[in-house]
Amino acid sequence: MSNQLTFITPNWSAPKQVKAYTTTRLGGFSLAPYDGFNLADHVDDDPQCVVKNRVLLKKTLHLPNEPQWLTQIHGIEVADFDKNDRCADAIYTKEINQVCVVMTADCLPVLFCNCAGTEVAAAHAGWRGLAQGVLEATIQRFQSPPNEIIAWLAPAISAQAFEVGEEVYDAFVKVLPQAQLAFTPTRPKHWLADLYLLARQKLEHIGIKAIYGGNFCTYQDTYQFYSYRRDKITGRMAHLIWIADIK
C-alpha cells in the first residue's frame, strides 16, 4: 500500500492559526477491507497497521502533539482535552497545540472554531447524537457567543444515500418541527434524511450563522471515503482541529 496520503481542508473563514483536516482512505498501511489509511483501533484492523497509520498521520501533518482519540458512543458528552475522560462524542480545547479529533465512516463530523481562533472543537454527530443535541452541547463549551463561532460540516453520508425509518424522522421533528424539510419520502414510513441540512437547522437555531461544507458523500465516493452503511466492515476517517503556535 502506498504511503501517499490525501487530506481535505475546510474552505471556511477560520483564522490562520486554526489548523483543520479530514483524512481520506488513500495511502497508509491497512489491508482490505480497511485499505488503506484506517485510523481506528476498534474495527478489527491489524493493530500494528493502525499504529503505523497514526504515526504517519502525525508525521505528515506535523502534528504538535498526539491527538486525543475518543471512545465514541453516539451520545452528547463533550470531553475537555485536559481531562482524562475520553468516552465522548465531542472534544473541546482553548489551549495551543492540543489536537482534537473525531472519527467517522458516514456519521456527520463537525469542526468548530471561534472567530478569534482561541477556541476549537470537534464533534461526531450520528443521527442519534445529532437529534439529542451533541452539536448544542459542544457549542455550550465555548466561551464565545454563537454568532462568533464558525462551523464546518465535514464529509458524511448524503441525503441521496441515507434512507431512514420512522424512529429517525420522529426524533428530529419532535424537537425541531422544521426538520421535516430535511426528509424526503421514499416508501411507507421511510425517508431520505439530509444530515447536512439537519445540522444546519440546529446550528442556525442556536445562533450560528457561519456554516460551511456539506458537499461530500461518504457512501457514494468509494475512492476517497470509508462508509459503514456501504461496506459494514471498514475503516474510519479522522477529522482533526487544533490551534497552532503561530508567532
Protein backbone atom coordinates (compact mmCIF):
# COMPACT_ATOMS: atom_id res chain seq x y z
CA MET A 1 0.00 0.00 0.00
CA SER A 2 1.29 3.44 -0.95
CA ASN A 3 2.04 5.86 1.87
CA GLN A 4 0.94 8.87 -0.21
CA LEU A 5 -1.79 10.48 1.86
CA THR A 6 -4.57 12.80 0.75
CA PHE A 7 -6.29 15.30 3.04
CA ILE A 8 -9.32 17.55 2.72
CA THR A 9 -9.08 21.02 4.25
CA PRO A 10 -12.10 23.17 5.12
CA ASN A 11 -12.98 26.03 2.82
CA TRP A 12 -14.01 28.38 5.61
CA SER A 13 -13.19 31.71 7.22
CA ALA A 14 -11.19 30.40 10.18
CA PRO A 15 -8.15 32.45 11.27
CA LYS A 16 -4.74 31.22 10.14
CA GLN A 17 -3.72 29.72 13.48
CA VAL A 18 -6.61 27.24 13.32
CA LYS A 19 -5.49 24.09 11.52
CA ALA A 20 -8.11 21.58 10.36
CA TYR A 21 -8.03 18.45 8.21
CA THR A 22 -10.11 15.47 7.20
CA THR A 23 -8.27 12.31 6.23
CA THR A 24 -9.30 10.03 3.37
CA ARG A 25 -8.76 6.30 2.91
CA LEU A 26 -5.93 6.91 0.43
CA GLY A 27 -2.41 5.85 1.40
CA GLY A 28 -1.46 4.16 4.63
CA PHE A 29 -0.68 0.58 5.62
CA SER A 30 -4.01 -1.17 6.25
CA LEU A 31 -5.05 -4.07 4.03
CA ALA A 32 -8.50 -4.89 2.67
CA PRO A 33 -11.20 -4.32 3.74
CA TYR A 34 -9.61 -1.48 5.72
CA ASP A 35 -7.37 -0.30 2.90
CA GLY A 36 -5.56 1.84 3.38
CA PHE A 37 -5.39 4.76 5.88
CA ASN A 38 -7.61 3.44 8.66
CA LEU A 39 -7.05 5.32 11.92
CA ALA A 40 -9.49 3.41 14.15
CA ASP A 41 -8.30 0.79 16.62
CA HIS A 42 -11.79 -0.62 17.32
CA VAL A 43 -12.77 -2.08 13.92
CA ASP A 44 -10.66 -5.29 14.00
CA ASP A 45 -7.96 -3.95 11.71
CA ASP A 46 -4.40 -5.16 12.36
CA PRO A 47 -3.33 -3.10 15.41
CA GLN A 48 0.17 -2.66 14.05
CA CYS A 49 -1.22 -1.15 10.85
CA VAL A 50 -3.32 1.30 12.85
CA VAL A 51 -0.29 2.34 14.89
CA LYS A 52 1.76 2.85 11.72
CA ASN A 53 -1.07 4.87 10.19
CA ARG A 54 -1.29 7.11 13.26
CA VAL A 55 2.47 7.65 13.25
CA LEU A 56 2.28 8.54 9.55
CA LEU A 57 -0.58 10.96 10.24
CA LYS A 58 1.39 12.76 12.92
CA LYS A 59 4.50 12.95 10.74
CA THR A 60 2.73 14.08 7.57
CA LEU A 61 0.62 16.81 9.18
CA HIS A 62 3.43 17.82 11.58
CA LEU A 63 1.02 17.47 14.47
CA PRO A 64 2.28 19.30 17.55
CA ASN A 65 1.03 16.53 19.86
CA GLU A 66 -0.67 13.15 19.73
CA PRO A 67 -4.40 13.62 19.02
CA GLN A 68 -6.78 12.80 21.84
CA TRP A 69 -8.56 9.75 20.42
CA LEU A 70 -12.06 9.34 21.84
CA THR A 71 -14.21 6.31 22.54
CA GLN A 72 -17.32 7.46 20.67
CA ILE A 73 -20.69 6.21 21.91
CA HIS A 74 -23.26 8.08 19.77
CA GLY A 75 -24.13 10.36 22.67
CA ILE A 76 -23.78 14.04 23.54
CA GLU A 77 -20.88 14.04 26.00
CA VAL A 78 -18.17 16.62 25.31
CA ALA A 79 -14.66 15.86 26.56
CA ASP A 80 -12.26 18.52 27.75
CA PHE A 81 -8.82 17.97 26.27
CA ASP A 82 -7.14 18.41 29.66
CA LYS A 83 -9.22 15.78 31.44
CA ASN A 84 -8.90 12.00 31.34
CA ASP A 85 -12.44 11.06 30.34
CA ARG A 86 -12.27 10.04 26.67
CA CYS A 87 -15.70 8.36 26.44
CA ALA A 88 -17.42 11.12 24.48
CA ASP A 89 -18.55 12.22 21.03
CA ALA A 90 -17.01 15.67 21.01
CA ILE A 91 -13.89 17.33 22.34
CA TYR A 92 -13.09 20.99 23.09
CA THR A 93 -9.96 22.97 23.89
CA LYS A 94 -8.76 26.55 24.16
CA GLU A 95 -5.12 25.55 24.58
CA ILE A 96 -2.47 25.87 21.87
CA ASN A 97 -1.18 22.71 20.13
CA GLN A 98 -3.82 20.34 21.53
CA VAL A 99 -5.20 18.25 18.65
CA CYS A 100 -8.92 17.48 18.87
CA VAL A 101 -10.16 14.61 16.72
CA VAL A 102 -13.27 12.55 15.96
CA MET A 103 -13.59 9.58 13.62
CA THR A 104 -16.38 8.67 11.22
CA ALA A 105 -17.46 6.45 8.33
CA ASP A 106 -20.84 8.03 7.35
CA CYS A 107 -21.81 9.92 10.51
CA LEU A 108 -21.51 13.70 10.37
CA PRO A 109 -18.30 15.26 11.73
CA VAL A 110 -18.42 18.96 12.57
CA LEU A 111 -15.37 21.10 13.28
CA PHE A 112 -15.73 24.39 15.19
CA CYS A 113 -13.63 27.41 16.00
CA ASN A 114 -14.32 30.92 17.17
CA CYS A 115 -13.57 33.96 15.03
CA ALA A 116 -10.58 34.88 17.18
CA GLY A 117 -9.00 31.45 16.78
CA THR A 118 -8.73 30.90 20.54
CA GLU A 119 -11.21 28.03 20.88
CA VAL A 120 -11.74 24.87 18.81
CA ALA A 121 -13.81 21.69 18.98
CA ALA A 122 -14.62 18.57 17.00
CA ALA A 123 -17.95 16.73 17.19
CA HIS A 124 -19.15 13.34 15.95
CA ALA A 125 -22.85 13.52 15.05
CA GLY A 126 -24.52 10.27 14.18
CA TRP A 127 -28.26 10.70 13.79
CA ARG A 128 -28.85 9.84 17.45
CA GLY A 129 -26.29 12.30 18.75
CA LEU A 130 -27.42 14.95 16.29
CA ALA A 131 -31.06 14.56 17.35
CA GLN A 132 -30.21 14.52 21.06
CA GLY A 133 -28.06 17.65 20.90
CA VAL A 134 -24.35 16.85 20.57
CA LEU A 135 -23.77 19.99 18.50
CA GLU A 136 -25.60 22.17 21.01
CA ALA A 137 -23.63 20.58 23.86
CA THR A 138 -20.38 21.31 22.03
CA ILE A 139 -21.28 24.95 21.45
CA GLN A 140 -22.10 25.34 25.15
CA ARG A 141 -18.45 24.63 25.96
CA PHE A 142 -17.33 27.74 24.06
CA GLN A 143 -16.79 30.99 25.91
CA SER A 144 -17.56 32.88 22.70
CA PRO A 145 -21.20 33.56 21.80
CA PRO A 146 -22.74 31.53 18.93
CA ASN A 147 -22.56 34.43 16.48
CA GLU A 148 -18.76 34.35 16.84
CA ILE A 149 -18.43 30.61 16.16
CA ILE A 150 -17.63 29.08 12.76
CA ALA A 151 -18.65 25.55 11.79
CA TRP A 152 -17.52 23.21 9.01
CA LEU A 153 -19.62 20.19 8.08
CA ALA A 154 -17.03 17.59 7.13
CA PRO A 155 -17.63 14.58 4.81
CA ALA A 156 -20.65 12.44 5.74
CA ILE A 157 -23.29 10.34 4.03
CA SER A 158 -25.52 12.46 1.78
CA ALA A 159 -29.30 12.52 1.61
CA GLN A 160 -29.25 10.58 -1.66
CA ALA A 161 -27.82 7.53 0.17
CA PHE A 162 -29.27 7.77 3.68
CA GLU A 163 -32.68 6.14 3.91
CA VAL A 164 -34.11 6.04 7.43
CA GLY A 165 -37.21 4.87 9.22
CA GLU A 166 -39.88 6.41 11.37
CA GLU A 167 -37.78 6.50 14.55
CA VAL A 168 -35.24 8.83 12.92
CA TYR A 169 -37.89 11.12 11.44
CA ASP A 170 -39.73 11.38 14.78
CA ALA A 171 -36.53 12.01 16.75
CA PHE A 172 -35.85 15.20 14.80
CA VAL A 173 -39.31 16.55 14.03
CA LYS A 174 -40.43 16.30 17.66
CA VAL A 175 -37.51 18.53 18.67
CA LEU A 176 -37.44 20.91 15.70
CA PRO A 177 -40.60 20.98 13.56
CA GLN A 178 -38.81 22.47 10.52
CA ALA A 179 -36.68 19.33 10.44
CA GLN A 180 -39.36 17.78 8.24
CA LEU A 181 -37.82 19.78 5.38
CA ALA A 182 -34.73 17.56 5.64
CA PHE A 183 -36.71 14.37 4.94
CA THR A 184 -37.83 13.18 1.50
CA PRO A 185 -40.41 10.33 1.47
CA THR A 186 -39.37 7.15 -0.36
CA ARG A 187 -41.77 4.37 0.68
CA PRO A 188 -44.23 3.99 3.56
CA LYS A 189 -42.62 5.16 6.80
CA HIS A 190 -39.22 5.68 5.16
CA TRP A 191 -37.39 8.86 4.16
CA LEU A 192 -34.10 10.05 2.72
CA ALA A 193 -32.56 12.09 5.54
CA ASP A 194 -30.27 15.07 4.94
CA LEU A 195 -27.82 15.14 7.85
CA TYR A 196 -26.16 18.26 6.49
CA LEU A 197 -29.44 20.19 6.45
CA LEU A 198 -30.44 18.89 9.87
CA ALA A 199 -27.13 20.10 11.28
CA ARG A 200 -27.52 23.49 9.62
CA GLN A 201 -31.00 23.85 11.06
CA LYS A 202 -29.82 23.05 14.55
CA LEU A 203 -26.80 25.33 14.35
CA GLU A 204 -28.83 28.21 12.94
CA HIS A 205 -31.44 27.67 15.64
CA ILE A 206 -28.83 28.40 18.34
CA GLY A 207 -27.45 31.44 16.52
CA ILE A 208 -24.55 30.19 14.41
CA LYS A 209 -24.52 31.88 11.01
CA ALA A 210 -21.08 30.97 9.61
CA ILE A 211 -21.66 27.38 8.45
CA TYR A 212 -19.54 25.83 5.70
CA GLY A 213 -19.14 22.46 4.00
CA GLY A 214 -21.70 19.73 3.48
CA ASN A 215 -20.90 18.85 -0.13
CA PHE A 216 -19.47 15.32 0.11
CA CYS A 217 -20.97 11.83 0.26
CA THR A 218 -19.00 9.12 2.03
CA TYR A 219 -21.32 6.40 0.71
CA GLN A 220 -21.12 7.31 -2.97
CA ASP A 221 -17.44 8.26 -3.09
CA THR A 222 -15.88 4.82 -2.78
CA TYR A 223 -12.45 6.11 -3.83
CA GLN A 224 -11.92 8.65 -1.06
CA PHE A 225 -14.04 7.55 1.87
CA TYR A 226 -14.91 4.71 4.18
CA SER A 227 -18.63 4.02 4.56
CA TYR A 228 -20.10 1.77 7.22
CA ARG A 229 -23.51 1.67 5.54
CA ARG A 230 -21.94 0.67 2.23
CA ASP A 231 -19.32 -1.82 3.43
CA LYS A 232 -20.10 -2.71 7.08
CA ILE A 233 -16.55 -3.94 7.75
CA THR A 234 -14.43 -0.89 7.05
CA GLY A 235 -12.06 1.73 8.45
CA ARG A 236 -12.59 5.24 9.75
CA MET A 237 -11.53 8.72 8.64
CA ALA A 238 -10.27 11.25 11.18
CA HIS A 239 -11.30 14.90 11.44
CA LEU A 240 -8.72 17.00 13.28
CA ILE A 241 -8.52 20.57 14.52
CA TRP A 242 -6.08 22.49 16.71
CA ILE A 243 -4.77 25.96 17.49
CA ALA A 244 -1.25 26.28 16.11
CA ASP A 245 1.50 28.18 17.88
CA ILE A 246 1.99 30.91 15.29
CA LYS A 247 4.23 33.73 16.41
